[in-house]
Amino acid sequence: MNDRAEEIRRLKDSEEKYRKMVELANDAIFGIDVDSGGILYANPKAEKMCGYSCDTLTGMKAWELHPPEEQESARKLFAEVVEEGSSYRRDMHFAREDGSRIIVDVSAVVTSCGEKKIIQRICRDVTERRQLEDELKQLNKDLEIRIEQRTRELNRKQMQLAQSEKMAALGNLVAGIAHEINTPLGALNSNNDVFIRLVARLKAALDELKGCDELRDNPELETIFENIEKLNDVSRTAADRIVNIVSSLRKFARLDRSEKDTVDIHEGLETTLTLAQHELKNRVEVIREYGDIPMIDCYPNQLNQAFLNLLVNASQAIEGQGKIWIRTLQKDNNVIVEIRDSGRGIPPENLSKVFDPGFTTKGSGVGTGLGLSIVHQIIQDHGGNIELESELNKGTTFRVILPINGGEKS
């Protein structure tokens, strides 16, 4: 009998210790009847977490702790745990008495309380933690987006730098070529002028000779003089052509005007057409539709580069014979330059990609994929915009819109 009393005493002591441990626990603890799903007990932490009093909680079903739309799934989960005798741990939503919702880390296990089986739920409010985790995920996502944007920006800047270095190299090359050509060209022009004057003096001297009618009227001598004059004209035309080409190279590179300036767009287009002549001659007809436009504030060397890229692309889009139309006009405070070709056009699926760095439809060794990306950036840096229209087998139009006052994007 004494042994039985001692066992009961030890059991009561154990239950008292467990009760105190449950009451003092930092987590909310629920004891749930496996048969009815009713809450048998809840500790003070559960009362604080849910907003209900312990008396109210012990009159509720376990699934009634959840929002209405989640109660059915909570009931099914409870039935599975009872049937299988399993345990689980997961995040679940609890609906507090004041209507607010919290996220709760729920750990449930089937256990024994004396001779009765119950489901014990240990719950912890993790709403703030999950919100912080979500914020951290969003921050990481935003950071990845910013890194991707900065990477694209860095790649764009690197391409611009590479292109600028190419332009600087071109400028130095042009300066050297211009110097080397101008010296012998000056001598040729001078000699040609002297030769023309000498021929004129020779003809005058023949006219003044007396008794030399036979010499003056000699058909062969007359033919020689005519051929000499034709050759002089050809030489003069060729020399002027060389002078024009050298001048166009200098204007294109703008060696003396690399900073912002007020310029005539038509002059830049004509300079660029001169340099693109090797792409166009005997194959592509250029139709100029120049309007009455004002001079604009811009970086001439950059715009020349953009126009050259557009013209070369238009030429390369034309297979065999074709036409390129260059149209200029003023609209509001903008100057518009349209470059339209009769080429093969751009497939619809590529229209959104043509300005992407590295994108090209040209074969290996033909294009770098930098041209239109650089053009787009140059126009944007001038505070302008570039529009694209294209139809397969009918041609493409690039429309460059530039502010007259040279408003730049920051």
Protein backbone atom coordinates (compact mmCIF):
# COMPACT_ATOMS: atom_id res chain seq x y z
CA MET A 1 0.00 0.00 0.00
CA ASN A 2 2.85 2.35 0.83
CA ASP A 3 4.46 1.62 -2.55
CA ARG A 4 1.22 2.53 -4.30
CA ALA A 5 0.95 5.81 -2.39
CA GLU A 6 4.57 6.64 -3.21
CA GLU A 7 3.97 5.97 -6.90
CA ILE A 8 0.92 8.26 -6.88
CA ARG A 9 2.92 10.95 -5.10
CA ARG A 10 5.75 10.72 -7.63
CA LEU A 11 3.24 10.88 -10.47
CA LYS A 12 1.64 13.97 -9.00
CA ASP A 13 5.04 15.58 -8.56
CA SER A 14 5.90 14.76 -12.16
CA GLU A 15 2.60 16.19 -13.40
CA GLU A 16 3.15 19.33 -11.32
CA LYS A 17 6.63 19.82 -12.75
CA TYR A 18 5.30 19.28 -16.29
CA ARG A 19 2.43 21.73 -15.65
CA LYS A 20 4.85 24.38 -14.39
CA MET A 21 7.18 23.74 -17.31
CA VAL A 22 4.28 24.19 -19.74
CA GLU A 23 3.10 27.36 -17.99
CA LEU A 24 6.58 28.89 -17.96
CA ALA A 25 7.49 27.85 -21.53
CA ASN A 26 8.47 30.60 -24.00
CA ASP A 27 6.45 28.89 -26.74
CA ALA A 28 2.69 28.47 -26.92
CA ILE A 29 1.70 24.90 -26.02
CA PHE A 30 -1.65 23.26 -26.71
CA GLY A 31 -2.95 19.85 -25.66
CA ILE A 32 -5.56 18.57 -28.12
CA ASP A 33 -7.96 15.64 -27.71
CA VAL A 34 -7.33 13.10 -30.48
CA ASP A 35 -11.00 12.04 -30.57
CA SER A 36 -12.81 15.37 -30.72
CA GLY A 37 -10.07 17.81 -31.75
CA GLY A 38 -10.98 19.96 -28.78
CA ILE A 39 -8.27 21.93 -26.99
CA LEU A 40 -7.74 20.37 -23.54
CA TYR A 41 -5.28 22.95 -22.24
CA ALA A 42 -3.30 25.99 -23.36
CA ASN A 43 -0.48 27.74 -21.53
CA PRO A 44 -0.28 31.50 -20.82
CA LYS A 45 1.99 31.99 -23.86
CA ALA A 46 -0.79 30.54 -26.05
CA GLU A 47 -3.23 32.98 -24.50
CA LYS A 48 -0.90 35.90 -25.28
CA MET A 49 -0.15 34.73 -28.80
CA CYS A 50 -3.76 34.14 -29.86
CA GLY A 51 -5.43 36.92 -27.91
CA TYR A 52 -8.01 34.54 -26.48
CA SER A 53 -8.28 33.69 -22.78
CA CYS A 54 -7.32 30.18 -21.71
CA ASP A 55 -10.96 29.47 -20.85
CA THR A 56 -12.01 30.46 -24.38
CA LEU A 57 -9.23 28.43 -25.95
CA THR A 58 -10.20 25.26 -24.06
CA GLY A 59 -13.68 25.53 -25.56
CA MET A 60 -12.41 25.65 -29.15
CA LYS A 61 -11.48 23.03 -31.73
CA ALA A 62 -7.87 22.97 -32.88
CA TRP A 63 -8.72 23.99 -36.47
CA GLU A 64 -10.74 26.98 -35.25
CA LEU A 65 -7.45 28.70 -34.45
CA HIS A 66 -6.89 29.15 -38.22
CA PRO A 67 -8.51 31.61 -40.70
CA PRO A 68 -11.90 30.40 -42.05
CA GLU A 69 -10.52 29.61 -45.53
CA GLU A 70 -7.82 27.36 -44.02
CA GLN A 71 -9.89 25.51 -41.42
CA GLU A 72 -10.91 22.65 -43.68
CA SER A 73 -7.33 21.82 -44.64
CA ALA A 74 -6.32 22.10 -40.95
CA ARG A 75 -9.09 19.61 -40.04
CA LYS A 76 -7.82 17.15 -42.66
CA LEU A 77 -4.26 17.51 -41.41
CA PHE A 78 -5.45 16.81 -37.86
CA ALA A 79 -7.26 13.64 -39.02
CA GLU A 80 -4.15 12.41 -40.85
CA VAL A 81 -1.99 12.91 -37.77
CA VAL A 82 -4.49 11.01 -35.59
CA GLU A 83 -4.86 8.18 -38.10
CA GLU A 84 -1.17 7.72 -38.81
CA GLY A 85 0.17 8.68 -35.40
CA SER A 86 2.66 10.89 -37.17
CA SER A 87 4.15 14.27 -36.38
CA TYR A 88 4.74 17.38 -38.47
CA ARG A 89 6.32 20.81 -38.40
CA ARG A 90 5.24 23.64 -40.68
CA ASP A 91 4.26 27.27 -40.90
CA MET A 92 0.52 27.87 -40.47
CA HIS A 93 -1.66 30.96 -40.23
CA PHE A 94 -3.47 31.68 -36.97
CA ALA A 95 -6.39 34.11 -36.69
CA ARG A 96 -6.17 36.12 -33.47
CA GLU A 97 -9.25 37.27 -31.55
CA ASP A 98 -8.82 40.86 -32.82
CA GLY A 99 -9.00 39.65 -36.43
CA SER A 100 -5.30 40.02 -37.18
CA ARG A 101 -3.34 37.14 -38.64
CA ILE A 102 0.01 35.79 -37.64
CA ILE A 103 2.40 33.21 -39.06
CA VAL A 104 3.10 30.41 -36.58
CA ASP A 105 5.78 27.72 -36.64
CA VAL A 106 3.76 24.65 -35.54
CA SER A 107 5.36 21.45 -34.27
CA ALA A 108 2.81 18.71 -33.52
CA VAL A 109 3.30 15.22 -32.17
CA VAL A 110 1.03 12.47 -30.79
CA THR A 111 1.90 11.78 -27.14
CA SER A 112 0.38 10.29 -23.96
CA CYS A 113 -1.01 12.11 -20.97
CA GLY A 114 -1.48 9.42 -18.35
CA GLU A 115 -3.51 6.74 -20.10
CA LYS A 116 -4.95 9.19 -22.65
CA LYS A 117 -3.43 10.03 -26.02
CA ILE A 118 -3.31 13.66 -27.06
CA ILE A 119 -1.76 15.80 -29.77
CA GLN A 120 0.67 18.30 -28.36
CA ARG A 121 1.26 21.42 -30.38
CA ILE A 122 4.26 23.63 -29.70
CA CYS A 123 3.79 26.94 -31.51
CA ARG A 124 5.98 29.99 -32.03
CA ASP A 125 4.95 33.30 -33.59
CA VAL A 126 7.37 33.81 -36.50
CA THR A 127 5.44 36.58 -38.27
CA GLU A 128 8.17 39.17 -37.85
CA ARG A 129 10.88 36.70 -38.75
CA ARG A 130 9.10 35.60 -41.92
CA GLN A 131 8.46 39.22 -42.87
CA LEU A 132 12.13 39.96 -42.38
CA GLU A 133 13.02 36.89 -44.44
CA ASP A 134 10.65 38.04 -47.19
CA GLU A 135 12.16 41.51 -47.05
CA LEU A 136 15.62 39.98 -47.22
CA LYS A 137 14.60 37.89 -50.24
CA GLN A 138 13.20 41.00 -51.91
CA LEU A 139 16.36 42.94 -51.08
CA ASN A 140 18.45 40.12 -52.55
CA LYS A 141 16.24 40.11 -55.64
CA ASP A 142 16.53 43.89 -55.95
CA LEU A 143 20.27 43.62 -55.45
CA GLU A 144 20.54 41.00 -58.19
CA ILE A 145 18.53 43.26 -60.51
CA ARG A 146 20.76 46.22 -59.68
CA ILE A 147 23.89 44.10 -60.21
CA GLU A 148 22.51 42.96 -63.56
CA GLN A 149 21.71 46.55 -64.51
CA ARG A 150 25.14 47.76 -63.42
CA THR A 151 26.75 44.88 -65.31
CA ARG A 152 24.87 45.85 -68.46
CA GLU A 153 25.82 49.47 -67.87
CA LEU A 154 29.46 48.48 -67.38
CA ASN A 155 29.41 46.41 -70.58
CA ARG A 156 27.84 49.35 -72.42
CA LYS A 157 30.49 51.73 -71.07
CA GLN A 158 33.22 49.29 -72.04
CA MET A 159 31.83 49.11 -75.57
CA GLN A 160 31.58 52.89 -75.70
CA LEU A 161 35.16 53.15 -74.49
CA ALA A 162 36.28 50.67 -77.13
CA GLN A 163 34.38 52.62 -79.77
CA SER A 164 35.82 55.91 -78.50
CA GLU A 165 39.31 54.43 -78.71
CA LYS A 166 38.57 53.38 -82.28
CA MET A 167 37.44 56.92 -83.08
CA ALA A 168 40.52 58.39 -81.42
CA ALA A 169 42.71 56.02 -83.44
CA LEU A 170 40.81 57.03 -86.56
CA GLY A 171 41.41 60.69 -85.72
CA ASN A 172 45.14 60.13 -85.40
CA LEU A 173 45.17 58.10 -88.60
CA VAL A 174 43.23 60.78 -90.46
CA ALA A 175 45.59 63.48 -89.24
CA GLY A 176 48.57 61.52 -90.52
CA ILE A 177 46.92 60.68 -93.84
CA ALA A 178 45.78 64.25 -94.36
CA HIS A 179 49.29 65.53 -93.73
CA GLU A 180 50.90 62.94 -95.98
CA ILE A 181 48.42 63.50 -98.82
CA ASN A 182 48.23 67.29 -98.62
CA THR A 183 51.94 67.80 -99.26
CA PRO A 184 52.22 65.92 -102.60
CA LEU A 185 48.69 67.01 -103.49
CA GLY A 186 49.74 70.63 -103.09
CA ALA A 187 52.64 70.03 -105.43
CA LEU A 188 50.39 68.35 -108.00
CA ASN A 189 47.87 71.21 -107.86
CA SER A 190 50.64 73.75 -108.19
CA ASN A 191 52.27 71.90 -111.09
CA ASN A 192 48.91 71.50 -112.80
CA ASP A 193 48.28 75.24 -112.53
CA VAL A 194 51.73 76.00 -113.92
CA PHE A 195 51.24 73.51 -116.74
CA ILE A 196 47.90 75.12 -117.68
CA ARG A 197 49.48 78.56 -117.74
CA LEU A 198 52.43 77.32 -119.82
CA VAL A 199 50.11 75.75 -122.38
CA ALA A 200 48.14 79.00 -122.56
CA ARG A 201 51.37 80.96 -123.08
CA LEU A 202 52.52 78.49 -125.74
CA LYS A 203 49.24 78.90 -127.65
CA ALA A 204 49.51 82.69 -127.35
CA ALA A 205 53.11 82.59 -128.61
CA LEU A 206 52.05 80.53 -131.62
CA ASP A 207 49.28 82.99 -132.40
CA GLU A 208 51.78 85.85 -132.35
CA LEU A 209 54.25 84.20 -134.70
CA LYS A 210 54.28 85.71 -138.17
CA GLY A 211 54.65 83.49 -141.17
CA CYS A 212 53.67 80.42 -139.19
CA ASP A 213 50.12 80.03 -140.39
CA GLU A 214 50.89 76.51 -141.41
CA LEU A 215 52.08 75.69 -137.88
CA ARG A 216 49.13 77.38 -136.15
CA ASP A 217 46.58 75.64 -138.33
CA ASN A 218 48.20 72.21 -138.06
CA PRO A 219 45.35 69.71 -137.22
CA GLU A 220 47.69 67.37 -135.39
CA LEU A 221 48.99 70.20 -133.20
CA GLU A 222 45.41 71.32 -132.51
CA THR A 223 44.50 67.79 -131.42
CA ILE A 224 47.50 67.70 -129.08
CA PHE A 225 46.40 70.95 -127.43
CA GLU A 226 42.82 69.64 -127.02
CA ASN A 227 44.08 66.42 -125.38
CA ILE A 228 46.36 68.39 -123.07
CA GLU A 229 43.41 70.54 -121.96
CA LYS A 230 41.24 67.45 -121.36
CA LEU A 231 44.00 65.83 -119.32
CA ASN A 232 44.38 69.02 -117.31
CA ASP A 233 40.64 69.00 -116.60
CA VAL A 234 40.79 65.36 -115.49
CA SER A 235 43.76 66.08 -113.26
CA ARG A 236 41.99 69.07 -111.73
CA THR A 237 38.83 67.01 -111.09
CA ALA A 238 40.84 64.17 -109.53
CA ALA A 239 42.77 66.58 -107.30
CA ASP A 240 39.53 68.24 -106.19
CA ARG A 241 38.08 64.80 -105.43
CA ILE A 242 41.06 63.93 -103.25
CA VAL A 243 40.81 67.25 -101.45
CA ASN A 244 37.11 66.59 -100.83
CA ILE A 245 37.76 63.11 -99.45
CA VAL A 246 40.47 64.35 -97.08
CA SER A 247 38.21 67.19 -95.97
CA SER A 248 35.37 64.74 -95.34
CA LEU A 249 37.63 62.51 -93.27
CA ARG A 250 38.67 65.46 -91.14
CA LYS A 251 35.09 66.62 -90.71
CA PHE A 252 33.92 63.10 -89.85
CA ALA A 253 36.52 62.65 -87.15
CA ARG A 254 36.09 66.31 -86.10
CA LEU A 255 39.66 66.50 -84.92
CA ASP A 256 39.23 70.17 -84.08
CA ARG A 257 35.61 69.90 -82.90
CA SER A 258 35.42 66.89 -80.56
CA GLU A 259 33.51 68.87 -77.94
CA LYS A 260 29.89 69.97 -78.06
CA ASP A 261 29.15 72.37 -80.89
CA THR A 262 26.33 73.93 -82.91
CA VAL A 263 26.35 72.27 -86.32
CA ASP A 264 24.43 71.74 -89.54
CA ILE A 265 23.07 68.18 -89.63
CA HIS A 266 23.05 68.25 -93.42
CA GLU A 267 26.79 68.89 -93.46
CA GLY A 268 27.35 65.87 -91.21
CA LEU A 269 25.16 63.69 -93.42
CA GLU A 270 26.99 64.76 -96.58
CA THR A 271 30.36 64.14 -94.94
CA THR A 272 29.23 60.69 -93.87
CA LEU A 273 27.85 59.90 -97.34
CA THR A 274 31.25 60.72 -98.82
CA LEU A 275 32.92 58.20 -96.51
CA ALA A 276 30.24 55.57 -97.20
CA GLN A 277 30.54 56.00 -100.96
CA HIS A 278 32.50 52.76 -101.34
CA GLU A 279 29.46 50.92 -99.91
CA LEU A 280 26.99 52.72 -102.16
CA LYS A 281 28.56 53.46 -105.54
CA ASN A 282 27.15 51.81 -108.65
CA ARG A 283 24.64 49.90 -106.51
CA VAL A 284 22.59 52.10 -104.16
CA GLU A 285 20.88 55.33 -105.16
CA VAL A 286 20.72 57.90 -102.36
CA ILE A 287 17.64 60.15 -102.45
CA ARG A 288 17.95 63.28 -100.33
CA GLU A 289 14.76 64.82 -98.98
CA TYR A 290 16.27 67.56 -96.86
CA GLY A 291 13.90 69.89 -95.07
CA ASP A 292 14.40 73.35 -93.63
CA ILE A 293 15.95 72.54 -90.26
CA PRO A 294 17.92 74.66 -87.79
CA MET A 295 21.44 73.96 -86.58
CA ILE A 296 21.53 71.88 -83.39
CA ASP A 297 23.75 71.60 -80.32
CA CYS A 298 25.46 68.22 -80.31
CA TYR A 299 28.71 66.29 -80.33
CA PRO A 300 29.36 66.20 -84.11
CA ASN A 301 31.85 63.33 -84.11
CA GLN A 302 29.40 61.10 -82.22
CA LEU A 303 26.46 61.90 -84.50
CA ASN A 304 28.62 61.34 -87.58
CA GLN A 305 29.50 57.93 -86.19
CA ALA A 306 25.79 57.17 -85.62
CA PHE A 307 24.82 58.25 -89.14
CA LEU A 308 27.66 56.20 -90.66
CA ASN A 309 26.52 53.07 -88.80
CA LEU A 310 22.92 53.57 -89.97
CA LEU A 311 23.93 54.19 -93.58
CA VAL A 312 26.29 51.21 -93.72
CA ASN A 313 23.61 48.98 -92.17
CA ALA A 314 21.07 50.25 -94.70
CA SER A 315 23.49 49.56 -97.56
CA GLN A 316 24.26 46.06 -96.31
CA ALA A 317 20.53 45.31 -95.98
CA ILE A 318 20.13 45.89 -99.73
CA GLU A 319 20.94 42.89 -101.89
CA GLY A 320 21.93 44.07 -105.35
CA GLN A 321 20.44 47.34 -106.57
CA GLY A 322 18.39 49.49 -104.22
CA LYS A 323 17.65 52.90 -102.76
CA ILE A 324 18.25 54.79 -99.53
CA TRP A 325 16.10 57.79 -98.64
CA ILE A 326 17.43 60.42 -96.23
CA ARG A 327 14.72 62.77 -94.97
CA THR A 328 15.11 65.62 -92.50
CA LEU A 329 12.47 67.83 -90.90
CA GLN A 330 11.73 69.87 -87.81
CA LYS A 331 8.93 68.93 -85.42
CA ASP A 332 8.35 71.07 -82.34
CA ASN A 333 11.74 71.47 -80.64
CA ASN A 334 13.28 68.47 -82.36
CA VAL A 335 15.11 67.72 -85.58
CA ILE A 336 14.18 64.39 -87.15
CA VAL A 337 16.47 62.40 -89.44
CA GLU A 338 14.91 59.41 -91.21
CA ILE A 339 17.09 56.87 -92.99
CA ARG A 340 14.98 54.42 -95.00
CA ASP A 341 16.21 51.60 -97.21
CA SER A 342 14.63 49.25 -99.74
CA GLY A 343 16.40 46.25 -98.22
CA ARG A 344 15.27 42.89 -96.96
CA GLY A 345 13.81 44.19 -93.68
CA ILE A 346 14.07 42.82 -90.14
CA PRO A 347 12.11 39.75 -88.94
CA PRO A 348 9.42 40.69 -86.36
CA GLU A 349 11.02 38.49 -83.69
CA ASN A 350 14.26 40.50 -83.95
CA LEU A 351 12.78 44.01 -83.79
CA SER A 352 13.03 44.19 -80.00
CA LYS A 353 16.65 42.97 -80.03
CA VAL A 354 18.36 45.12 -82.65
CA PHE A 355 19.63 47.67 -80.10
CA ASP A 356 20.87 45.01 -77.65
CA PRO A 357 24.67 44.90 -77.19
CA GLY A 358 26.17 41.97 -79.07
CA PHE A 359 23.08 41.24 -81.21
CA THR A 360 23.76 40.83 -84.91
CA THR A 361 22.18 39.00 -87.82
CA LYS A 362 25.35 39.24 -89.89
CA GLY A 363 27.56 36.28 -90.51
CA SER A 364 30.80 35.54 -88.72
CA GLY A 365 33.44 38.14 -89.47
CA VAL A 366 30.96 40.64 -90.95
CA GLY A 367 29.54 42.45 -87.93
CA THR A 368 30.55 43.00 -84.32
CA GLY A 369 27.03 43.56 -83.01
CA LEU A 370 28.16 46.93 -81.61
CA GLY A 371 26.84 49.30 -84.28
CA LEU A 372 23.16 49.80 -83.43
CA SER A 373 23.78 49.52 -79.69
CA ILE A 374 26.30 52.36 -79.95
CA VAL A 375 23.91 54.36 -82.16
CA HIS A 376 21.12 53.97 -79.60
CA GLN A 377 23.36 55.09 -76.76
CA ILE A 378 24.72 58.10 -78.71
CA ILE A 379 21.17 59.29 -79.45
CA GLN A 380 20.10 58.76 -75.83
CA ASP A 381 23.15 60.66 -74.58
CA HIS A 382 21.97 63.58 -76.70
CA GLY A 383 18.58 63.46 -74.94
CA GLY A 384 16.97 62.07 -78.08
CA ASN A 385 15.31 58.89 -79.19
CA ILE A 386 15.50 56.44 -82.09
CA GLU A 387 12.50 54.65 -83.56
CA LEU A 388 12.44 51.62 -85.81
CA GLU A 389 9.96 50.43 -88.43
CA SER A 390 10.56 47.45 -90.66
CA GLU A 391 8.71 45.08 -92.94
CA LEU A 392 10.17 41.95 -94.47
CA ASN A 393 11.22 42.36 -98.11
CA LYS A 394 10.06 46.00 -98.09
CA GLY A 395 12.74 47.77 -96.10
CA THR A 396 13.56 49.43 -92.81
CA THR A 397 13.28 52.97 -91.46
CA PHE A 398 15.35 54.33 -88.59
CA ARG A 399 13.97 57.61 -87.25
CA VAL A 400 16.45 59.65 -85.19
CA ILE A 401 14.84 62.35 -83.03
CA LEU A 402 17.25 64.98 -81.68
CA PRO A 403 16.48 68.00 -79.48
CA ILE A 404 17.55 71.26 -81.11
CA ASN A 405 19.03 72.61 -77.89
CA GLY A 406 21.05 69.44 -77.32
CA GLY A 407 19.33 68.46 -74.08
CA GLU A 408 21.34 65.60 -72.60
CA LYS A 409 20.19 62.84 -70.31
CA SER A 410 21.91 62.76 -66.99
